[in-house]
């Protein structure tokens, strides 16, 4: 996650703030520890695959929504307002 270079923005949701904390916490661990957890946890490969499938599903839904729904969004202060 650290390679994504995610940064706080004026319109962060609580969920995105949680993602930023997750990135901070996981980047504090060494890659060797991460690899060890992957290698010795028999569920790692399945979990990674499920995450990949879930992300692909979200991207597909976003693309469908983008084609079907042309909303107009504008920034009002620190709020993103969409119609």
PDB file of N, CA and C in Angstrom:
ATOM      1  N   UNK A   1       0.819  -1.205   0.000  1.00  0.00           N
ATOM      2  CA  UNK A   1       0.000   0.000   0.000  1.00  0.00           C
ATOM      3  C   UNK A   1       0.855   1.257   0.000  1.00  0.00           C
ATOM      4  N   UNK A   2       2.025   1.151   0.568  1.00  0.00           N
ATOM      5  CA  UNK A   2       2.903   2.313   0.634  1.00  0.00           C
ATOM      6  C   UNK A   2       3.313   2.832  -0.729  1.00  0.00           C
ATOM      7  N   UNK A   3       3.358   1.965  -1.723  1.00  0.00           N
ATOM      8  CA  UNK A   3       3.767   2.392  -3.063  1.00  0.00           C
ATOM      9  C   UNK A   3       2.698   3.242  -3.752  1.00  0.00           C
ATOM     10  N   UNK A   4       1.479   3.266  -3.208  1.00  0.00           N
ATOM     11  CA  UNK A   4       0.409   4.081  -3.792  1.00  0.00           C
ATOM     12  C   UNK A   4       0.600   5.565  -3.514  1.00  0.00           C
ATOM     13  N   UNK A   5       1.435   5.893  -2.550  1.00  0.00           N
ATOM     14  CA  UNK A   5       1.701   7.285  -2.174  1.00  0.00           C
ATOM     15  C   UNK A   5       0.413   8.036  -1.851  1.00  0.00           C
ATOM     16  N   UNK A   6      -0.460   7.388  -1.061  1.00  0.00           N
ATOM     17  CA  UNK A   6      -1.722   8.003  -0.677  1.00  0.00           C
ATOM     18  C   UNK A   6      -1.461   9.133   0.306  1.00  0.00           C
ATOM     19  N   UNK A   7      -2.217  10.227   0.152  1.00  0.00           N
ATOM     20  CA  UNK A   7      -2.055  11.395   1.016  1.00  0.00           C
ATOM     21  C   UNK A   7      -3.428  11.917   1.413  1.00  0.00           C
ATOM     22  N   UNK A   8      -3.498  12.578   2.573  1.00  0.00           N
ATOM     23  CA  UNK A   8      -4.773  13.180   2.974  1.00  0.00           C
ATOM     24  C   UNK A   8      -5.221  14.230   1.951  1.00  0.00           C
ATOM     25  N   UNK A   9      -6.538  14.368   1.802  1.00  0.00           N
ATOM     26  CA  UNK A   9      -7.115  15.378   0.917  1.00  0.00           C
ATOM     27  C   UNK A   9      -8.200  16.123   1.689  1.00  0.00           C
ATOM     28  N   UNK A  10      -8.658  17.249   1.173  1.00  0.00           N
ATOM     29  CA  UNK A  10      -9.718  18.000   1.863  1.00  0.00           C
ATOM     30  C   UNK A  10     -11.043  17.251   1.949  1.00  0.00           C
ATOM     31  N   UNK A  11     -11.252  16.235   1.126  1.00  0.00           N
ATOM     32  CA  UNK A  11     -12.551  15.546   1.108  1.00  0.00           C
ATOM     33  C   UNK A  11     -12.462  14.111   1.621  1.00  0.00           C
ATOM     34  N   UNK A  12     -11.484  13.819   2.469  1.00  0.00           N
ATOM     35  CA  UNK A  12     -11.319  12.468   2.994  1.00  0.00           C
ATOM     36  C   UNK A  12     -12.553  12.004   3.763  1.00  0.00           C
ATOM     37  N   UNK A  13     -12.924  10.756   3.529  1.00  0.00           N
ATOM     38  CA  UNK A  13     -13.972  10.117   4.325  1.00  0.00           C
ATOM     39  C   UNK A  13     -13.308   9.457   5.526  1.00  0.00           C
ATOM     40  N   UNK A  14     -14.117   9.040   6.496  1.00  0.00           N
ATOM     41  CA  UNK A  14     -13.580   8.310   7.650  1.00  0.00           C
ATOM     42  C   UNK A  14     -12.923   7.008   7.169  1.00  0.00           C
ATOM     43  N   UNK A  15     -13.524   6.384   6.163  1.00  0.00           N
ATOM     44  CA  UNK A  15     -12.955   5.158   5.614  1.00  0.00           C
ATOM     45  C   UNK A  15     -11.573   5.381   5.022  1.00  0.00           C
ATOM     46  N   UNK A  16     -11.404   6.486   4.286  1.00  0.00           N
ATOM     47  CA  UNK A  16     -10.106   6.775   3.684  1.00  0.00           C
ATOM     48  C   UNK A  16      -9.087   7.116   4.763  1.00  0.00           C
ATOM     49  N   UNK A  17      -9.526   7.807   5.811  1.00  0.00           N
ATOM     50  CA  UNK A  17      -8.623   8.085   6.927  1.00  0.00           C
ATOM     51  C   UNK A  17      -8.139   6.777   7.547  1.00  0.00           C
ATOM     52  N   UNK A  18      -9.026   5.777   7.619  1.00  0.00           N
ATOM     53  CA  UNK A  18      -8.642   4.458   8.132  1.00  0.00           C
ATOM     54  C   UNK A  18      -7.628   3.793   7.216  1.00  0.00           C
ATOM     55  N   UNK A  19      -7.806   3.950   5.917  1.00  0.00           N
ATOM     56  CA  UNK A  19      -6.846   3.392   4.957  1.00  0.00           C
ATOM     57  C   UNK A  19      -5.476   4.040   5.156  1.00  0.00           C
ATOM     58  N   UNK A  20      -5.447   5.350   5.342  1.00  0.00           N
ATOM     59  CA  UNK A  20      -4.173   6.039   5.565  1.00  0.00           C
ATOM     60  C   UNK A  20      -3.481   5.511   6.824  1.00  0.00           C
ATOM     61  N   UNK A  21      -4.256   5.253   7.886  1.00  0.00           N
ATOM     62  CA  UNK A  21      -3.668   4.698   9.112  1.00  0.00           C
ATOM     63  C   UNK A  21      -3.166   3.272   8.869  1.00  0.00           C
ATOM     64  N   UNK A  22      -3.916   2.509   8.081  1.00  0.00           N
ATOM     65  CA  UNK A  22      -3.494   1.152   7.738  1.00  0.00           C
ATOM     66  C   UNK A  22      -2.160   1.189   6.999  1.00  0.00           C
ATOM     67  N   UNK A  23      -2.030   2.095   6.043  1.00  0.00           N
ATOM     68  CA  UNK A  23      -0.781   2.232   5.298  1.00  0.00           C
ATOM     69  C   UNK A  23       0.359   2.577   6.250  1.00  0.00           C
ATOM     70  N   UNK A  24       0.101   3.522   7.141  1.00  0.00           N
ATOM     71  CA  UNK A  24       1.129   3.925   8.103  1.00  0.00           C
ATOM     72  C   UNK A  24       1.559   2.740   8.974  1.00  0.00           C
ATOM     73  N   UNK A  25       0.581   1.981   9.456  1.00  0.00           N
ATOM     74  CA  UNK A  25       0.893   0.833  10.314  1.00  0.00           C
ATOM     75  C   UNK A  25       1.631  -0.266   9.573  1.00  0.00           C
ATOM     76  N   UNK A  26       1.203  -0.586   8.360  1.00  0.00           N
ATOM     77  CA  UNK A  26       1.850  -1.674   7.625  1.00  0.00           C
ATOM     78  C   UNK A  26       3.229  -1.278   7.127  1.00  0.00           C
ATOM     79  N   UNK A  27       3.439  -0.004   6.829  1.00  0.00           N
ATOM     80  CA  UNK A  27       4.760   0.437   6.387  1.00  0.00           C
ATOM     81  C   UNK A  27       5.775   0.414   7.523  1.00  0.00           C
ATOM     82  N   UNK A  28       5.288   0.402   8.760  1.00  0.00           N
ATOM     83  CA  UNK A  28       6.191   0.332   9.905  1.00  0.00           C
ATOM     84  C   UNK A  28       6.809  -1.063  10.039  1.00  0.00           C
ATOM     85  N   UNK A  29       6.170  -2.079   9.473  1.00  0.00           N
ATOM     86  CA  UNK A  29       6.695  -3.446   9.518  1.00  0.00           C
ATOM     87  C   UNK A  29       7.650  -3.689   8.352  1.00  0.00           C
ATOM     88  N   UNK A  30       8.591  -4.577   8.553  1.00  0.00           N
ATOM     89  CA  UNK A  30       9.535  -4.902   7.484  1.00  0.00           C
ATOM     90  C   UNK A  30       8.866  -5.792   6.437  1.00  0.00           C
ATOM     91  N   UNK A  31       9.402  -5.771   5.242  1.00  0.00           N
ATOM     92  CA  UNK A  31       8.896  -6.653   4.200  1.00  0.00           C
ATOM     93  C   UNK A  31       9.149  -8.113   4.568  1.00  0.00           C
ATOM     94  N   UNK A  32      10.247  -8.375   5.274  1.00  0.00           N
ATOM     95  CA  UNK A  32      10.560  -9.740   5.698  1.00  0.00           C
ATOM     96  C   UNK A  32       9.456 -10.283   6.609  1.00  0.00           C
ATOM     97  N   UNK A  33       8.951  -9.455   7.518  1.00  0.00           N
ATOM     98  CA  UNK A  33       7.848  -9.875   8.380  1.00  0.00           C
ATOM     99  C   UNK A  33       6.602 -10.149   7.539  1.00  0.00           C
ATOM    100  N   UNK A  34       6.304  -9.242   6.617  1.00  0.00           N
ATOM    101  CA  UNK A  34       5.151  -9.405   5.740  1.00  0.00           C
ATOM    102  C   UNK A  34       5.278 -10.706   4.939  1.00  0.00           C
ATOM    103  N   UNK A  35       6.467 -10.960   4.401  1.00  0.00           N
ATOM    104  CA  UNK A  35       6.691 -12.189   3.638  1.00  0.00           C
ATOM    105  C   UNK A  35       6.520 -13.426   4.517  1.00  0.00           C
ATOM    106  N   UNK A  36       7.037 -13.374   5.731  1.00  0.00           N
ATOM    107  CA  UNK A  36       6.901 -14.504   6.643  1.00  0.00           C
ATOM    108  C   UNK A  36       5.443 -14.814   6.944  1.00  0.00           C
ATOM    109  N   UNK A  37       4.652 -13.773   7.156  1.00  0.00           N
ATOM    110  CA  UNK A  37       3.220 -13.974   7.388  1.00  0.00           C
ATOM    111  C   UNK A  37       2.559 -14.594   6.164  1.00  0.00           C
ATOM    112  N   UNK A  38       2.953 -14.131   4.991  1.00  0.00           N
ATOM    113  CA  UNK A  38       2.419 -14.687   3.738  1.00  0.00           C
ATOM    114  C   UNK A  38       2.809 -16.154   3.590  1.00  0.00           C
ATOM    115  N   UNK A  39       4.080 -16.430   3.787  1.00  0.00           N
ATOM    116  CA  UNK A  39       4.606 -17.779   3.535  1.00  0.00           C
ATOM    117  C   UNK A  39       4.026 -18.820   4.490  1.00  0.00           C
ATOM    118  N   UNK A  40       3.849 -18.451   5.755  1.00  0.00           N
ATOM    119  CA  UNK A  40       3.454 -19.450   6.749  1.00  0.00           C
ATOM    120  C   UNK A  40       1.968 -19.418   7.106  1.00  0.00           C
ATOM    121  N   UNK A  41       1.205 -18.590   6.449  1.00  0.00           N
ATOM    122  CA  UNK A  41      -0.246 -18.585   6.665  1.00  0.00           C
ATOM    123  C   UNK A  41      -0.884 -19.279   5.470  1.00  0.00           C
ATOM    124  N   UNK A  42      -1.499 -20.412   5.713  1.00  0.00           N
ATOM    125  CA  UNK A  42      -2.054 -21.215   4.616  1.00  0.00           C
ATOM    126  C   UNK A  42      -3.205 -20.511   3.900  1.00  0.00           C
ATOM    127  N   UNK A  43      -3.766 -19.475   4.492  1.00  0.00           N
ATOM    128  CA  UNK A  43      -4.878 -18.746   3.871  1.00  0.00           C
ATOM    129  C   UNK A  43      -4.432 -17.542   3.038  1.00  0.00           C
ATOM    130  N   UNK A  44      -3.145 -17.242   3.026  1.00  0.00           N
ATOM    131  CA  UNK A  44      -2.652 -16.025   2.373  1.00  0.00           C
ATOM    132  C   UNK A  44      -3.012 -15.932   0.896  1.00  0.00           C
ATOM    133  N   UNK A  45      -2.744 -16.986   0.153  1.00  0.00           N
ATOM    134  CA  UNK A  45      -3.007 -16.934  -1.298  1.00  0.00           C
ATOM    135  C   UNK A  45      -4.487 -16.727  -1.585  1.00  0.00           C
ATOM    136  N   UNK A  46      -5.347 -17.429  -0.850  1.00  0.00           N
ATOM    137  CA  UNK A  46      -6.791 -17.271  -1.053  1.00  0.00           C
ATOM    138  C   UNK A  46      -7.239 -15.860  -0.668  1.00  0.00           C
ATOM    139  N   UNK A  47      -6.727 -15.344   0.431  1.00  0.00           N
ATOM    140  CA  UNK A  47      -7.086 -13.994   0.860  1.00  0.00           C
ATOM    141  C   UNK A  47      -6.663 -12.957  -0.175  1.00  0.00           C
ATOM    142  N   UNK A  48      -5.476 -13.093  -0.703  1.00  0.00           N
ATOM    143  CA  UNK A  48      -5.001 -12.163  -1.734  1.00  0.00           C
ATOM    144  C   UNK A  48      -5.894 -12.245  -2.968  1.00  0.00           C
ATOM    145  N   UNK A  49      -6.243 -13.445  -3.365  1.00  0.00           N
ATOM    146  CA  UNK A  49      -7.112 -13.626  -4.538  1.00  0.00           C
ATOM    147  C   UNK A  49      -8.478 -12.986  -4.299  1.00  0.00           C
ATOM    148  N   UNK A  50      -9.033 -13.177  -3.096  1.00  0.00           N
ATOM    149  CA  UNK A  50     -10.323 -12.564  -2.777  1.00  0.00           C
ATOM    150  C   UNK A  50     -10.239 -11.039  -2.815  1.00  0.00           C
ATOM    151  N   UNK A  51      -9.126 -10.488  -2.350  1.00  0.00           N
ATOM    152  CA  UNK A  51      -8.947  -9.034  -2.391  1.00  0.00           C
ATOM    153  C   UNK A  51      -8.875  -8.544  -3.840  1.00  0.00           C
ATOM    154  N   UNK A  52      -8.179  -9.306  -4.687  1.00  0.00           N
ATOM    155  CA  UNK A  52      -8.079  -8.935  -6.095  1.00  0.00           C
ATOM    156  C   UNK A  52      -9.452  -8.955  -6.763  1.00  0.00           C
ATOM    157  N   UNK A  53     -10.238  -9.994  -6.488  1.00  0.00           N
ATOM    158  CA  UNK A  53     -11.573 -10.114  -7.068  1.00  0.00           C
ATOM    159  C   UNK A  53     -12.465  -8.981  -6.575  1.00  0.00           C
ATOM    160  N   UNK A  54     -12.405  -8.681  -5.278  1.00  0.00           N
ATOM    161  CA  UNK A  54     -13.226  -7.607  -4.714  1.00  0.00           C
ATOM    162  C   UNK A  54     -12.871  -6.256  -5.336  1.00  0.00           C
ATOM    163  N   UNK A  55     -11.586  -5.989  -5.515  1.00  0.00           N
ATOM    164  CA  UNK A  55     -11.166  -4.734  -6.139  1.00  0.00           C
ATOM    165  C   UNK A  55     -11.628  -4.670  -7.588  1.00  0.00           C
ATOM    166  N   UNK A  56     -11.510  -5.768  -8.314  1.00  0.00           N
ATOM    167  CA  UNK A  56     -11.988  -5.812  -9.703  1.00  0.00           C
ATOM    168  C   UNK A  56     -13.491  -5.534  -9.774  1.00  0.00           C
ATOM    169  N   UNK A  57     -14.256  -6.068  -8.813  1.00  0.00           N
ATOM    170  CA  UNK A  57     -15.702  -5.836  -8.793  1.00  0.00           C
ATOM    171  C   UNK A  57     -16.033  -4.373  -8.526  1.00  0.00           C
ATOM    172  N   UNK A  58     -15.305  -3.745  -7.623  1.00  0.00           N
ATOM    173  CA  UNK A  58     -15.530  -2.321  -7.340  1.00  0.00           C
ATOM    174  C   UNK A  58     -15.221  -1.484  -8.578  1.00  0.00           C
ATOM    175  N   UNK A  59     -14.122  -1.768  -9.236  1.00  0.00           N
ATOM    176  CA  UNK A  59     -13.745  -1.024 -10.446  1.00  0.00           C
ATOM    177  C   UNK A  59     -14.805  -1.206 -11.529  1.00  0.00           C
ATOM    178  N   UNK A  60     -15.304  -2.420 -11.704  1.00  0.00           N
ATOM    179  CA  UNK A  60     -16.341  -2.678 -12.709  1.00  0.00           C
ATOM    180  C   UNK A  60     -17.609  -1.890 -12.388  1.00  0.00           C
ATOM    181  N   UNK A  61     -18.010  -1.864 -11.119  1.00  0.00           N
ATOM    182  CA  UNK A  61     -19.201  -1.100 -10.723  1.00  0.00           C
ATOM    183  C   UNK A  61     -19.010   0.394 -10.961  1.00  0.00           C
ATOM    184  N   UNK A  62     -17.822   0.899 -10.656  1.00  0.00           N
ATOM    185  CA  UNK A  62     -17.541   2.317 -10.896  1.00  0.00           C
ATOM    186  C   UNK A  62     -17.638   2.665 -12.384  1.00  0.00           C
ATOM    187  N   UNK A  63     -17.132   1.799 -13.225  1.00  0.00           N
ATOM    188  CA  UNK A  63     -17.178   2.050 -14.671  1.00  0.00           C
ATOM    189  C   UNK A  63     -18.605   2.022 -15.199  1.00  0.00           C
ATOM    190  N   UNK A  64     -19.427   1.086 -14.695  1.00  0.00           N
ATOM    191  CA  UNK A  64     -20.840   1.031 -15.093  1.00  0.00           C
ATOM    192  C   UNK A  64     -21.546   2.309 -14.637  1.00  0.00           C
ATOM    193  N   UNK A  65     -21.313   2.695 -13.397  1.00  0.00           N
ATOM    194  CA  UNK A  65     -21.937   3.906 -12.859  1.00  0.00           C
ATOM    195  C   UNK A  65     -21.518   5.137 -13.653  1.00  0.00           C
ATOM    196  N   UNK A  66     -20.264   5.184 -14.033  1.00  0.00           N
ATOM    197  CA  UNK A  66     -19.758   6.322 -14.801  1.00  0.00           C
ATOM    198  C   UNK A  66     -20.465   6.427 -16.153  1.00  0.00           C
ATOM    199  N   UNK A  67     -20.742   5.282 -16.775  1.00  0.00           N
ATOM    200  CA  UNK A  67     -21.424   5.290 -18.073  1.00  0.00           C
ATOM    201  C   UNK A  67     -22.901   5.630 -17.938  1.00  0.00           C
ATOM    202  N   UNK A  68     -23.542   5.163 -16.852  1.00  0.00           N
ATOM    203  CA  UNK A  68     -24.985   5.301 -16.707  1.00  0.00           C
ATOM    204  C   UNK A  68     -25.434   6.560 -15.978  1.00  0.00           C
ATOM    205  N   UNK A  69     -24.568   7.143 -15.208  1.00  0.00           N
ATOM    206  CA  UNK A  69     -24.990   8.238 -14.341  1.00  0.00           C
ATOM    207  C   UNK A  69     -23.988   9.378 -14.444  1.00  0.00           C
ATOM    208  N   UNK A  70     -24.398  10.414 -15.077  1.00  0.00           N
ATOM    209  CA  UNK A  70     -23.527  11.581 -15.227  1.00  0.00           C
ATOM    210  C   UNK A  70     -23.859  12.592 -14.137  1.00  0.00           C
ATOM    211  N   UNK A  71     -23.269  12.421 -12.968  1.00  0.00           N
ATOM    212  CA  UNK A  71     -23.536  13.377 -11.901  1.00  0.00           C
ATOM    213  C   UNK A  71     -22.576  14.556 -12.026  1.00  0.00           C
ATOM    214  N   UNK A  72     -23.002  15.671 -11.464  1.00  0.00           N
ATOM    215  CA  UNK A  72     -22.181  16.869 -11.446  1.00  0.00           C
ATOM    216  C   UNK A  72     -21.738  17.091 -10.004  1.00  0.00           C
ATOM    217  N   UNK A  73     -20.450  17.149  -9.786  1.00  0.00           N
ATOM    218  CA  UNK A  73     -19.912  17.344  -8.447  1.00  0.00           C
ATOM    219  C   UNK A  73     -19.080  18.623  -8.413  1.00  0.00           C
ATOM    220  N   UNK A  74     -19.232  19.355  -7.318  1.00  0.00           N
ATOM    221  CA  UNK A  74     -18.451  20.577  -7.122  1.00  0.00           C
ATOM    222  C   UNK A  74     -17.984  20.626  -5.675  1.00  0.00           C
ATOM    223  N   UNK A  75     -16.861  21.268  -5.464  1.00  0.00           N
ATOM    224  CA  UNK A  75     -16.349  21.456  -4.111  1.00  0.00           C
ATOM    225  C   UNK A  75     -16.995  22.701  -3.513  1.00  0.00           C
ATOM    226  N   UNK A  76     -17.502  22.564  -2.294  1.00  0.00           N
ATOM    227  CA  UNK A  76     -18.016  23.698  -1.535  1.00  0.00           C
ATOM    228  C   UNK A  76     -17.285  23.689  -0.203  1.00  0.00           C
ATOM    229  N   UNK A  77     -16.256  24.512  -0.095  1.00  0.00           N
ATOM    230  CA  UNK A  77     -15.400  24.467   1.087  1.00  0.00           C
ATOM    231  C   UNK A  77     -14.682  23.135   1.119  1.00  0.00           C
ATOM    232  N   UNK A  78     -14.854  22.402   2.207  1.00  0.00           N
ATOM    233  CA  UNK A  78     -14.247  21.075   2.328  1.00  0.00           C
ATOM    234  C   UNK A  78     -15.205  19.956   1.982  1.00  0.00           C
ATOM    235  N   UNK A  79     -16.365  20.290   1.396  1.00  0.00           N
ATOM    236  CA  UNK A  79     -17.371  19.293   1.061  1.00  0.00           C
ATOM    237  C   UNK A  79     -17.464  19.085  -0.437  1.00  0.00           C
ATOM    238  N   UNK A  80     -17.648  17.851  -0.846  1.00  0.00           N
ATOM    239  CA  UNK A  80     -17.888  17.519  -2.248  1.00  0.00           C
ATOM    240  C   UNK A  80     -19.377  17.311  -2.401  1.00  0.00           C
ATOM    241  N   UNK A  81     -20.031  18.168  -3.172  1.00  0.00           N
ATOM    242  CA  UNK A  81     -21.474  18.117  -3.366  1.00  0.00           C
ATOM    243  C   UNK A  81     -21.764  17.578  -4.763  1.00  0.00           C
ATOM    244  N   UNK A  82     -22.592  16.532  -4.834  1.00  0.00           N
ATOM    245  CA  UNK A  82     -22.913  15.909  -6.124  1.00  0.00           C
ATOM    246  C   UNK A  82     -24.415  15.916  -6.346  1.00  0.00           C
ATOM    247  N   UNK A  83     -24.795  16.154  -7.592  1.00  0.00           N
ATOM    248  CA  UNK A  83     -26.208  16.124  -7.981  1.00  0.00           C
ATOM    249  C   UNK A  83     -26.405  15.020  -9.005  1.00  0.00           C
TER     250      UNK A  83
END
